[in-house]
């Protein structure tokens, strides 16, 4: 019997965690493209190590808001957001290709991630600025529009975050928004792995590396085949 497949992804290149340690564990890397965090040098370093380890690289696009780490919603126009996304994807694609790890998917970051679940205009801007790249995220307008356009769409779950009754992530300001113990993170990862294409661990979460190692070990012990979600 074929083992169930699951991808393990993490946010990298944000200069807040041990990128090399996480790259040794994950199968996909959401690389910050400079708008909420990161730099060309950081992107180059992450992409080079990802290529060496066979980790798939994705563009983690965000609002142009380094002061707030991309975690505040911005009412930018369709045209401006499209150009910002295109710039981020373009910069990372140039660097990643040079390092032997071409960009294989796009995933919004922070406030933009949640905004495009419900905001059709901003979702279109993200799609139109990212070419025909596959999309990683949660169900919402971005996924629907991508699928309607014939683009590949992949779902993910967050073992280190709390969920509300409607299936969305709890705002970080609310109690229970962060799942912090290793045992709890592992337990939620095992539940999510049966329902999503990829399990995401936030690189900026406390104990991110320890969580990732424990989650990978638990998934493999449970019989999952860990490999990138992109075919």
Protein backbone atom coordinates (compact mmCIF):
# COMPACT_ATOMS: atom_id res chain seq x y z
CA UNK A 1 0.00 0.00 0.00
CA UNK A 2 1.32 3.45 -0.93
CA UNK A 3 2.13 5.65 2.03
CA UNK A 4 0.21 8.94 2.38
CA UNK A 5 2.24 11.94 1.26
CA UNK A 6 2.72 15.14 3.21
CA UNK A 7 4.88 18.22 2.78
CA UNK A 8 6.47 20.13 5.65
CA UNK A 9 7.03 23.84 5.00
CA UNK A 10 8.40 26.76 6.99
CA UNK A 11 8.86 30.51 6.60
CA UNK A 12 12.54 31.20 6.02
CA UNK A 13 14.81 34.10 5.17
CA UNK A 14 13.16 36.34 7.77
CA UNK A 15 16.35 36.68 9.86
CA UNK A 16 14.57 35.54 13.01
CA UNK A 17 15.38 31.83 13.16
CA UNK A 18 17.98 29.22 12.27
CA UNK A 19 17.35 28.85 8.55
CA UNK A 20 19.94 26.12 8.02
CA UNK A 21 18.55 24.01 10.85
CA UNK A 22 15.01 24.28 9.48
CA UNK A 23 16.13 23.55 5.93
CA UNK A 24 17.54 20.26 7.19
CA UNK A 25 14.03 19.27 8.30
CA UNK A 26 11.45 20.75 5.91
CA UNK A 27 10.66 19.78 2.33
CA UNK A 28 9.50 23.23 1.16
CA UNK A 29 10.73 26.70 2.08
CA UNK A 30 8.64 29.88 1.91
CA UNK A 31 11.36 32.46 1.35
CA UNK A 32 10.79 36.09 2.37
CA UNK A 33 11.24 38.36 -0.63
CA UNK A 34 12.40 41.55 1.08
CA UNK A 35 9.12 43.40 1.62
CA UNK A 36 8.38 42.25 5.17
CA UNK A 37 11.81 40.76 5.93
CA UNK A 38 14.94 39.43 4.29
CA UNK A 39 17.46 40.76 1.78
CA UNK A 40 19.14 39.62 -1.42
CA UNK A 41 22.03 38.15 0.55
CA UNK A 42 19.68 36.25 2.84
CA UNK A 43 17.61 34.99 -0.09
CA UNK A 44 20.78 33.82 -1.83
CA UNK A 45 21.97 31.96 1.26
CA UNK A 46 18.64 30.22 1.84
CA UNK A 47 18.21 29.27 -1.81
CA UNK A 48 21.74 27.89 -2.06
CA UNK A 49 21.22 25.65 0.96
CA UNK A 50 17.76 24.63 -0.27
CA UNK A 51 19.28 23.57 -3.58
CA UNK A 52 21.95 21.56 -1.80
CA UNK A 53 19.38 19.71 0.29
CA UNK A 54 16.70 19.30 -2.38
CA UNK A 55 14.19 21.57 -0.60
CA UNK A 56 11.64 23.24 -2.89
CA UNK A 57 11.61 27.06 -2.82
CA UNK A 58 8.46 29.20 -2.83
CA UNK A 59 8.00 32.98 -2.89
CA UNK A 60 6.59 34.32 0.37
CA UNK A 61 5.07 37.60 -0.82
CA UNK A 62 3.75 40.28 1.50
CA UNK A 63 2.71 43.87 1.91
CA UNK A 64 5.50 46.45 1.69
CA UNK A 65 5.69 46.86 5.46
CA UNK A 66 8.93 45.90 7.17
CA UNK A 67 8.08 48.00 10.25
CA UNK A 68 5.17 45.69 11.10
CA UNK A 69 6.67 42.48 9.67
CA UNK A 70 3.83 42.40 7.15
CA UNK A 71 1.25 41.71 9.85
CA UNK A 72 -0.94 44.79 9.36
CA UNK A 73 -3.58 44.93 6.62
CA UNK A 74 -2.97 47.65 4.03
CA UNK A 75 -5.58 49.08 1.69
CA UNK A 76 -3.37 49.21 -1.37
CA UNK A 77 -4.74 49.36 -4.90
CA UNK A 78 -4.91 46.34 -7.18
CA UNK A 79 -2.24 47.81 -9.46
CA UNK A 80 0.17 48.62 -6.64
CA UNK A 81 -0.18 45.25 -4.97
CA UNK A 82 0.18 43.42 -8.29
CA UNK A 83 3.42 45.27 -9.00
CA UNK A 84 4.74 44.63 -5.49
CA UNK A 85 4.03 40.92 -5.82
CA UNK A 86 5.61 40.81 -9.27
CA UNK A 87 8.71 42.57 -7.94
CA UNK A 88 9.06 40.13 -5.05
CA UNK A 89 8.57 37.06 -7.23
CA UNK A 90 10.94 38.47 -9.81
CA UNK A 91 13.75 39.21 -7.38
CA UNK A 92 13.53 35.84 -5.66
CA UNK A 93 13.20 34.00 -8.99
CA UNK A 94 16.39 35.60 -10.29
CA UNK A 95 18.34 34.71 -7.15
CA UNK A 96 16.84 31.24 -6.73
CA UNK A 97 17.47 30.25 -10.34
CA UNK A 98 21.10 31.34 -10.05
CA UNK A 99 21.49 29.10 -6.99
CA UNK A 100 19.88 26.08 -8.63
CA UNK A 101 16.57 26.20 -6.74
CA UNK A 102 13.94 27.79 -9.03
CA UNK A 103 10.82 29.24 -7.42
CA UNK A 104 8.09 26.60 -7.63
CA UNK A 105 5.09 28.21 -5.87
CA UNK A 106 3.77 31.39 -4.24
CA UNK A 107 2.37 31.88 -0.75
CA UNK A 108 1.24 35.19 0.80
CA UNK A 109 2.58 36.18 4.20
CA UNK A 110 0.99 37.59 7.34
CA UNK A 111 -1.86 40.06 6.91
CA UNK A 112 -1.89 39.57 3.14
CA UNK A 113 -2.33 35.81 3.64
CA UNK A 114 -5.54 36.41 5.56
CA UNK A 115 -6.77 39.36 3.48
CA UNK A 116 -6.79 37.38 0.22
CA UNK A 117 -9.05 34.75 1.75
CA UNK A 118 -11.90 37.29 1.64
CA UNK A 119 -10.76 40.17 -0.59
CA UNK A 120 -11.20 39.25 -4.24
CA UNK A 121 -9.39 42.30 -5.61
CA UNK A 122 -6.27 41.71 -3.56
CA UNK A 123 -6.42 38.00 -4.34
CA UNK A 124 -6.44 38.84 -8.05
CA UNK A 125 -3.49 41.16 -7.56
CA UNK A 126 -1.46 38.38 -5.93
CA UNK A 127 -2.34 35.97 -8.73
CA UNK A 128 -1.71 38.43 -11.54
CA UNK A 129 1.63 39.41 -10.04
CA UNK A 130 2.87 35.84 -9.67
CA UNK A 131 2.57 34.46 -13.19
CA UNK A 132 1.36 30.87 -13.30
CA UNK A 133 2.99 29.65 -10.10
CA UNK A 134 1.07 27.10 -8.02
CA UNK A 135 -0.57 28.58 -4.92
CA UNK A 136 -0.19 27.41 -1.32
CA UNK A 137 -2.64 28.59 1.33
CA UNK A 138 -6.01 28.13 3.01
CA UNK A 139 -9.45 27.98 1.29
CA UNK A 140 -10.76 31.36 0.17
CA UNK A 141 -10.82 33.73 -2.81
CA UNK A 142 -7.16 33.20 -3.66
CA UNK A 143 -7.61 29.45 -3.98
CA UNK A 144 -10.87 29.75 -5.88
CA UNK A 145 -9.57 32.26 -8.40
CA UNK A 146 -6.37 30.30 -8.90
CA UNK A 147 -8.27 27.09 -9.55
CA UNK A 148 -10.64 28.89 -11.93
CA UNK A 149 -7.57 30.07 -13.86
CA UNK A 150 -6.27 26.52 -14.13
CA UNK A 151 -3.44 26.98 -11.65
CA UNK A 152 -2.47 24.28 -9.20
CA UNK A 153 -3.74 24.90 -5.67
CA UNK A 154 -2.47 23.28 -2.49
CA UNK A 155 -3.84 23.43 1.07
CA UNK A 156 -1.94 23.75 4.31
CA UNK A 157 -2.48 23.55 8.06
CA UNK A 158 -0.70 25.09 11.02
CA UNK A 159 0.13 22.84 13.98
CA UNK A 160 1.61 25.72 15.97
CA UNK A 161 -1.48 27.94 15.68
CA UNK A 162 -4.94 27.85 17.23
CA UNK A 163 -8.06 27.67 15.07
CA UNK A 164 -11.46 29.29 15.48
CA UNK A 165 -14.73 27.43 14.94
CA UNK A 166 -14.93 28.65 11.34
CA UNK A 167 -11.62 27.00 10.48
CA UNK A 168 -9.61 30.23 10.34
CA UNK A 169 -6.54 30.96 12.44
CA UNK A 170 -7.11 32.81 15.69
CA UNK A 171 -5.67 36.35 15.67
CA UNK A 172 -2.32 36.41 17.44
CA UNK A 173 -3.77 38.82 20.01
CA UNK A 174 -6.31 36.27 21.24
CA UNK A 175 -5.75 33.58 23.89
CA UNK A 176 -4.85 30.23 22.38
CA UNK A 177 -3.54 31.72 19.14
CA UNK A 178 -0.15 30.09 19.61
CA UNK A 179 0.33 26.39 20.31
CA UNK A 180 3.61 26.33 22.18
CA UNK A 181 4.37 22.91 23.66
CA UNK A 182 6.06 20.28 21.52
CA UNK A 183 3.49 17.61 22.41
CA UNK A 184 0.57 19.84 21.44
CA UNK A 185 2.20 20.91 18.17
CA UNK A 186 2.92 17.29 17.25
CA UNK A 187 -0.62 16.17 18.09
CA UNK A 188 -2.16 18.88 15.91
CA UNK A 189 0.27 18.15 13.07
CA UNK A 190 -0.80 14.50 13.01
CA UNK A 191 -4.46 15.53 12.84
CA UNK A 192 -3.88 18.09 10.08
CA UNK A 193 -1.71 15.82 7.94
CA UNK A 194 -4.71 13.72 6.93
CA UNK A 195 -6.58 16.78 5.60
CA UNK A 196 -4.00 19.03 3.91
CA UNK A 197 -1.22 18.90 1.33
CA UNK A 198 1.33 20.62 3.55
CA UNK A 199 1.97 21.26 7.23
CA UNK A 200 3.46 24.67 8.04
CA UNK A 201 5.63 25.60 10.98
CA UNK A 202 6.27 29.30 11.52
CA UNK A 203 9.99 30.01 11.48
CA UNK A 204 9.55 32.89 13.93
CA UNK A 205 7.72 30.83 16.55
CA UNK A 206 9.54 30.05 19.82
CA UNK A 207 11.19 26.65 19.56
CA UNK A 208 10.57 26.49 15.80
CA UNK A 209 13.46 24.12 15.09
CA UNK A 210 12.59 21.76 17.95
CA UNK A 211 8.96 21.73 16.81
CA UNK A 212 9.93 20.99 13.23
CA UNK A 213 12.22 18.11 14.20
CA UNK A 214 9.55 16.61 16.46
CA UNK A 215 6.81 17.00 13.85
CA UNK A 216 8.89 15.41 11.10
CA UNK A 217 9.80 12.47 13.33
CA UNK A 218 6.16 11.96 14.34
CA UNK A 219 4.90 12.13 10.75
CA UNK A 220 7.47 9.61 9.57
CA UNK A 221 6.70 7.31 12.49
CA UNK A 222 3.00 7.54 11.60
CA UNK A 223 3.80 6.26 8.12
CA UNK A 224 3.77 9.48 6.09
CA UNK A 225 6.04 9.93 3.08
CA UNK A 226 7.52 13.42 3.44
CA UNK A 227 8.12 15.09 0.11
CA UNK A 228 7.36 18.47 -1.55
CA UNK A 229 3.72 19.06 -2.47
CA UNK A 230 4.70 20.48 -5.88
CA UNK A 231 4.80 17.58 -8.37
